[in-house]
Amino acid sequence: IAPAPDIYRKRALQALEAAGIGFRAS
């Protein structure tokens, strides 16, 4: 991902958090 405030980053985190999927920034 890109650093904040990138909108693609925001989309990715929103989708994963809504689905309850754990993630890490690799």
PDB file of all heavy atoms in Angstrom:
ATOM      1  N   ILE A   1       0.832  -1.201   0.000  1.00  0.00           N
ATOM      2  CA  ILE A   1       0.000   0.000   0.000  1.00  0.00           C
ATOM      3  C   ILE A   1       0.871   1.257   0.000  1.00  0.00           C
ATOM      4  O   ILE A   1       2.069   1.208   0.264  1.00  0.00           O
ATOM      5  CB  ILE A   1      -0.942   0.045   1.232  1.00  0.00           C
ATOM      6  CG1 ILE A   1      -0.160  -0.239   2.507  1.00  0.00           C
ATOM      7  CG2 ILE A   1      -2.090  -0.924   1.067  1.00  0.00           C
ATOM      8  CD1 ILE A   1      -0.985  -0.150   3.783  1.00  0.00           C
ATOM      9  N   ALA A   2       0.210   2.362  -0.294  1.00  0.00           N
ATOM     10  CA  ALA A   2       0.851   3.675  -0.181  1.00  0.00           C
ATOM     11  C   ALA A   2       0.598   4.225   1.223  1.00  0.00           C
ATOM     12  O   ALA A   2      -0.310   3.780   1.924  1.00  0.00           O
ATOM     13  CB  ALA A   2       0.281   4.626  -1.227  1.00  0.00           C
ATOM     14  N   PRO A   3       1.379   5.199   1.658  1.00  0.00           N
ATOM     15  CA  PRO A   3       1.114   5.828   2.954  1.00  0.00           C
ATOM     16  C   PRO A   3      -0.205   6.607   2.912  1.00  0.00           C
ATOM     17  O   PRO A   3      -0.695   6.966   1.843  1.00  0.00           O
ATOM     18  CB  PRO A   3       2.304   6.785   3.136  1.00  0.00           C
ATOM     19  CG  PRO A   3       3.326   6.372   2.119  1.00  0.00           C
ATOM     20  CD  PRO A   3       2.579   5.738   0.999  1.00  0.00           C
ATOM     21  N   ALA A   4      -0.766   6.887   4.081  1.00  0.00           N
ATOM     22  CA  ALA A   4      -1.931   7.772   4.161  1.00  0.00           C
ATOM     23  C   ALA A   4      -1.515   9.147   3.639  1.00  0.00           C
ATOM     24  O   ALA A   4      -0.358   9.538   3.763  1.00  0.00           O
ATOM     25  CB  ALA A   4      -2.407   7.863   5.605  1.00  0.00           C
ATOM     26  N   PRO A   5      -2.420   9.878   2.967  1.00  0.00           N
ATOM     27  CA  PRO A   5      -3.874   9.693   2.880  1.00  0.00           C
ATOM     28  C   PRO A   5      -4.330   9.100   1.545  1.00  0.00           C
ATOM     29  O   PRO A   5      -5.385   9.476   1.041  1.00  0.00           O
ATOM     30  CB  PRO A   5      -4.380  11.126   3.022  1.00  0.00           C
ATOM     31  CG  PRO A   5      -3.335  11.946   2.299  1.00  0.00           C
ATOM     32  CD  PRO A   5      -2.032  11.231   2.507  1.00  0.00           C
ATOM     33  N   ASP A   6      -3.547   8.187   0.953  1.00  0.00           N
ATOM     34  CA  ASP A   6      -3.903   7.627  -0.353  1.00  0.00           C
ATOM     35  C   ASP A   6      -5.291   6.985  -0.316  1.00  0.00           C
ATOM     36  O   ASP A   6      -5.618   6.221   0.603  1.00  0.00           O
ATOM     37  CB  ASP A   6      -2.860   6.575  -0.738  1.00  0.00           C
ATOM     38  CG  ASP A   6      -3.137   5.966  -2.086  1.00  0.00           C
ATOM     39  OD1 ASP A   6      -2.970   6.654  -3.102  1.00  0.00           O
ATOM     40  OD2 ASP A   6      -3.549   4.783  -2.114  1.00  0.00           O
ATOM     41  N   ILE A   7      -6.116   7.268  -1.337  1.00  0.00           N
ATOM     42  CA  ILE A   7      -7.497   6.789  -1.329  1.00  0.00           C
ATOM     43  C   ILE A   7      -7.574   5.290  -1.587  1.00  0.00           C
ATOM     44  O   ILE A   7      -8.467   4.604  -1.085  1.00  0.00           O
ATOM     45  CB  ILE A   7      -8.366   7.569  -2.347  1.00  0.00           C
ATOM     46  CG1 ILE A   7      -9.857   7.352  -2.026  1.00  0.00           C
ATOM     47  CG2 ILE A   7      -8.037   7.192  -3.778  1.00  0.00           C
ATOM     48  CD1 ILE A   7     -10.786   8.303  -2.754  1.00  0.00           C
ATOM     49  N   TYR A   8      -6.621   4.715  -2.356  1.00  0.00           N
ATOM     50  CA  TYR A   8      -6.630   3.266  -2.563  1.00  0.00           C
ATOM     51  C   TYR A   8      -6.310   2.544  -1.249  1.00  0.00           C
ATOM     52  O   TYR A   8      -6.867   1.478  -0.955  1.00  0.00           O
ATOM     53  CB  TYR A   8      -5.629   2.856  -3.635  1.00  0.00           C
ATOM     54  CG  TYR A   8      -5.879   3.472  -4.987  1.00  0.00           C
ATOM     55  CD1 TYR A   8      -4.878   3.487  -5.950  1.00  0.00           C
ATOM     56  CD2 TYR A   8      -7.105   4.044  -5.318  1.00  0.00           C
ATOM     57  CE1 TYR A   8      -5.094   4.058  -7.200  1.00  0.00           C
ATOM     58  CE2 TYR A   8      -7.334   4.613  -6.556  1.00  0.00           C
ATOM     59  CZ  TYR A   8      -6.314   4.621  -7.498  1.00  0.00           C
ATOM     60  OH  TYR A   8      -6.519   5.185  -8.724  1.00  0.00           O
ATOM     61  N   ARG A   9      -5.414   3.096  -0.476  1.00  0.00           N
ATOM     62  CA  ARG A   9      -5.122   2.544   0.854  1.00  0.00           C
ATOM     63  C   ARG A   9      -6.393   2.562   1.705  1.00  0.00           C
ATOM     64  O   ARG A   9      -6.735   1.563   2.357  1.00  0.00           O
ATOM     65  CB  ARG A   9      -4.025   3.373   1.519  1.00  0.00           C
ATOM     66  CG  ARG A   9      -3.772   3.038   2.987  1.00  0.00           C
ATOM     67  CD  ARG A   9      -2.944   4.129   3.647  1.00  0.00           C
ATOM     68  NE  ARG A   9      -2.746   3.862   5.066  1.00  0.00           N
ATOM     69  CZ  ARG A   9      -1.647   3.351   5.590  1.00  0.00           C
ATOM     70  NH1 ARG A   9      -0.633   3.064   4.804  1.00  0.00           N
ATOM     71  NH2 ARG A   9      -1.548   3.125   6.880  1.00  0.00           N
ATOM     72  N   LYS A  10      -7.103   3.689   1.679  1.00  0.00           N
ATOM     73  CA  LYS A  10      -8.333   3.821   2.450  1.00  0.00           C
ATOM     74  C   LYS A  10      -9.355   2.780   2.012  1.00  0.00           C
ATOM     75  O   LYS A  10     -10.008   2.145   2.856  1.00  0.00           O
ATOM     76  CB  LYS A  10      -8.898   5.228   2.264  1.00  0.00           C
ATOM     77  CG  LYS A  10     -10.169   5.509   3.045  1.00  0.00           C
ATOM     78  CD  LYS A  10     -10.637   6.945   2.820  1.00  0.00           C
ATOM     79  CE  LYS A  10     -11.920   7.236   3.571  1.00  0.00           C
ATOM     80  NZ  LYS A  10     -12.387   8.626   3.318  1.00  0.00           N
ATOM     81  N   ARG A  11      -9.503   2.586   0.702  1.00  0.00           N
ATOM     82  CA  ARG A  11     -10.456   1.595   0.191  1.00  0.00           C
ATOM     83  C   ARG A  11     -10.090   0.198   0.673  1.00  0.00           C
ATOM     84  O   ARG A  11     -10.949  -0.593   1.081  1.00  0.00           O
ATOM     85  CB  ARG A  11     -10.468   1.630  -1.337  1.00  0.00           C
ATOM     86  CG  ARG A  11     -11.116   2.853  -1.943  1.00  0.00           C
ATOM     87  CD  ARG A  11     -12.636   2.758  -1.823  1.00  0.00           C
ATOM     88  NE  ARG A  11     -13.280   3.876  -2.486  1.00  0.00           N
ATOM     89  CZ  ARG A  11     -13.544   5.039  -1.925  1.00  0.00           C
ATOM     90  NH1 ARG A  11     -13.219   5.251  -0.659  1.00  0.00           N
ATOM     91  NH2 ARG A  11     -14.136   5.992  -2.602  1.00  0.00           N
ATOM     92  N   ALA A  12      -8.801  -0.144   0.604  1.00  0.00           N
ATOM     93  CA  ALA A  12      -8.353  -1.477   1.004  1.00  0.00           C
ATOM     94  C   ALA A  12      -8.630  -1.738   2.491  1.00  0.00           C
ATOM     95  O   ALA A  12      -9.195  -2.776   2.863  1.00  0.00           O
ATOM     96  CB  ALA A  12      -6.864  -1.630   0.708  1.00  0.00           C
ATOM     97  N   LEU A  13      -8.251  -0.789   3.341  1.00  0.00           N
ATOM     98  CA  LEU A  13      -8.438  -0.985   4.782  1.00  0.00           C
ATOM     99  C   LEU A  13      -9.910  -1.043   5.153  1.00  0.00           C
ATOM    100  O   LEU A  13     -10.320  -1.851   6.002  1.00  0.00           O
ATOM    101  CB  LEU A  13      -7.729   0.131   5.551  1.00  0.00           C
ATOM    102  CG  LEU A  13      -6.216   0.272   5.333  1.00  0.00           C
ATOM    103  CD1 LEU A  13      -5.624   1.264   6.325  1.00  0.00           C
ATOM    104  CD2 LEU A  13      -5.511  -1.062   5.412  1.00  0.00           C
ATOM    105  N   GLN A  14     -10.743  -0.207   4.523  1.00  0.00           N
ATOM    106  CA  GLN A  14     -12.179  -0.226   4.804  1.00  0.00           C
ATOM    107  C   GLN A  14     -12.782  -1.581   4.456  1.00  0.00           C
ATOM    108  O   GLN A  14     -13.575  -2.150   5.233  1.00  0.00           O
ATOM    109  CB  GLN A  14     -12.885   0.879   4.013  1.00  0.00           C
ATOM    110  CG  GLN A  14     -12.689   2.280   4.552  1.00  0.00           C
ATOM    111  CD  GLN A  14     -13.334   3.338   3.677  1.00  0.00           C
ATOM    112  OE1 GLN A  14     -13.563   3.125   2.483  1.00  0.00           O
ATOM    113  NE2 GLN A  14     -13.640   4.488   4.257  1.00  0.00           N
ATOM    114  N   ALA A  15     -12.409  -2.105   3.277  1.00  0.00           N
ATOM    115  CA  ALA A  15     -12.987  -3.382   2.825  1.00  0.00           C
ATOM    116  C   ALA A  15     -12.559  -4.530   3.734  1.00  0.00           C
ATOM    117  O   ALA A  15     -13.382  -5.391   4.104  1.00  0.00           O
ATOM    118  CB  ALA A  15     -12.567  -3.657   1.381  1.00  0.00           C
ATOM    119  N   LEU A  16     -11.293  -4.557   4.119  1.00  0.00           N
ATOM    120  CA  LEU A  16     -10.801  -5.651   4.958  1.00  0.00           C
ATOM    121  C   LEU A  16     -11.368  -5.567   6.372  1.00  0.00           C
ATOM    122  O   LEU A  16     -11.752  -6.583   6.963  1.00  0.00           O
ATOM    123  CB  LEU A  16      -9.278  -5.632   4.993  1.00  0.00           C
ATOM    124  CG  LEU A  16      -8.588  -5.913   3.657  1.00  0.00           C
ATOM    125  CD1 LEU A  16      -7.082  -5.743   3.786  1.00  0.00           C
ATOM    126  CD2 LEU A  16      -8.927  -7.313   3.142  1.00  0.00           C
ATOM    127  N   GLU A  17     -11.433  -4.360   6.931  1.00  0.00           N
ATOM    128  CA  GLU A  17     -11.986  -4.205   8.283  1.00  0.00           C
ATOM    129  C   GLU A  17     -13.461  -4.570   8.317  1.00  0.00           C
ATOM    130  O   GLU A  17     -13.930  -5.214   9.270  1.00  0.00           O
ATOM    131  CB  GLU A  17     -11.765  -2.771   8.758  1.00  0.00           C
ATOM    132  CG  GLU A  17     -10.305  -2.466   9.057  1.00  0.00           C
ATOM    133  CD  GLU A  17     -10.036  -0.984   9.279  1.00  0.00           C
ATOM    134  OE1 GLU A  17     -10.974  -0.176   9.072  1.00  0.00           O
ATOM    135  OE2 GLU A  17      -8.905  -0.637   9.653  1.00  0.00           O
ATOM    136  N   ALA A  18     -14.209  -4.187   7.265  1.00  0.00           N
ATOM    137  CA  ALA A  18     -15.634  -4.524   7.220  1.00  0.00           C
ATOM    138  C   ALA A  18     -15.849  -6.028   7.136  1.00  0.00           C
ATOM    139  O   ALA A  18     -16.838  -6.556   7.657  1.00  0.00           O
ATOM    140  CB  ALA A  18     -16.297  -3.829   6.028  1.00  0.00           C
ATOM    141  N   ALA A  19     -14.922  -6.729   6.478  1.00  0.00           N
ATOM    142  CA  ALA A  19     -15.051  -8.182   6.324  1.00  0.00           C
ATOM    143  C   ALA A  19     -14.397  -8.947   7.470  1.00  0.00           C
ATOM    144  O   ALA A  19     -14.454 -10.185   7.501  1.00  0.00           O
ATOM    145  CB  ALA A  19     -14.424  -8.609   4.989  1.00  0.00           C
ATOM    146  N   GLY A  20     -13.761  -8.248   8.399  1.00  0.00           N
ATOM    147  CA  GLY A  20     -13.118  -8.903   9.531  1.00  0.00           C
ATOM    148  C   GLY A  20     -11.876  -9.678   9.145  1.00  0.00           C
ATOM    149  O   GLY A  20     -11.532 -10.670   9.789  1.00  0.00           O
ATOM    150  N   ILE A  21     -11.168  -9.233   8.123  1.00  0.00           N
ATOM    151  CA  ILE A  21      -9.968  -9.913   7.645  1.00  0.00           C
ATOM    152  C   ILE A  21      -8.735  -9.217   8.227  1.00  0.00           C
ATOM    153  O   ILE A  21      -8.560  -8.009   8.068  1.00  0.00           O
ATOM    154  CB  ILE A  21      -9.893  -9.906   6.103  1.00  0.00           C
ATOM    155  CG1 ILE A  21     -11.070 -10.686   5.524  1.00  0.00           C
ATOM    156  CG2 ILE A  21      -8.563 -10.487   5.613  1.00  0.00           C
ATOM    157  CD1 ILE A  21     -11.154 -10.630   4.010  1.00  0.00           C
ATOM    158  N   GLY A  22      -7.893  -9.981   8.938  1.00  0.00           N
ATOM    159  CA  GLY A  22      -6.677  -9.418   9.495  1.00  0.00           C
ATOM    160  C   GLY A  22      -5.658  -9.126   8.405  1.00  0.00           C
ATOM    161  O   GLY A  22      -5.588  -9.828   7.394  1.00  0.00           O
ATOM    162  N   PHE A  23      -4.851  -8.109   8.614  1.00  0.00           N
ATOM    163  CA  PHE A  23      -3.865  -7.746   7.588  1.00  0.00           C
ATOM    164  C   PHE A  23      -2.652  -7.101   8.242  1.00  0.00           C
ATOM    165  O   PHE A  23      -2.683  -6.684   9.402  1.00  0.00           O
ATOM    166  CB  PHE A  23      -4.479  -6.778   6.573  1.00  0.00           C
ATOM    167  CG  PHE A  23      -5.049  -5.516   7.178  1.00  0.00           C
ATOM    168  CD1 PHE A  23      -4.260  -4.391   7.419  1.00  0.00           C
ATOM    169  CD2 PHE A  23      -6.394  -5.458   7.533  1.00  0.00           C
ATOM    170  CE1 PHE A  23      -4.794  -3.254   7.996  1.00  0.00           C
ATOM    171  CE2 PHE A  23      -6.939  -4.314   8.105  1.00  0.00           C
ATOM    172  CZ  PHE A  23      -6.125  -3.213   8.341  1.00  0.00           C
ATOM    173  N   ARG A  24      -1.576  -7.027   7.486  1.00  0.00           N
ATOM    174  CA  ARG A  24      -0.364  -6.330   7.903  1.00  0.00           C
ATOM    175  C   ARG A  24       0.218  -5.627   6.682  1.00  0.00           C
ATOM    176  O   ARG A  24       0.016  -6.077   5.546  1.00  0.00           O
ATOM    177  CB  ARG A  24       0.668  -7.310   8.475  1.00  0.00           C
ATOM    178  CG  ARG A  24       1.174  -8.333   7.462  1.00  0.00           C
ATOM    179  CD  ARG A  24       2.192  -9.283   8.073  1.00  0.00           C
ATOM    180  NE  ARG A  24       2.619 -10.296   7.102  1.00  0.00           N
ATOM    181  CZ  ARG A  24       3.619 -10.106   6.239  1.00  0.00           C
ATOM    182  NH1 ARG A  24       4.291  -8.950   6.232  1.00  0.00           N
ATOM    183  NH2 ARG A  24       3.953 -11.057   5.383  1.00  0.00           N
ATOM    184  N   ALA A  25       0.903  -4.544   6.889  1.00  0.00           N
ATOM    185  CA  ALA A  25       1.559  -3.831   5.791  1.00  0.00           C
ATOM    186  C   ALA A  25       2.898  -4.503   5.527  1.00  0.00           C
ATOM    187  O   ALA A  25       3.838  -4.391   6.309  1.00  0.00           O
ATOM    188  CB  ALA A  25       1.759  -2.364   6.147  1.00  0.00           C
ATOM    189  N   SER A  26       2.969  -5.238   4.413  1.00  0.00           N
ATOM    190  CA  SER A  26       4.216  -5.926   4.065  1.00  0.00           C
ATOM    191  C   SER A  26       5.154  -5.029   3.269  1.00  0.00           C
ATOM    192  O   SER A  26       6.364  -5.261   3.222  1.00  0.00           O
ATOM    193  CB  SER A  26       3.911  -7.192   3.253  1.00  0.00           C
ATOM    194  OG  SER A  26       3.266  -6.860   2.036  1.00  0.00           O
TER     195      SER A  26
END
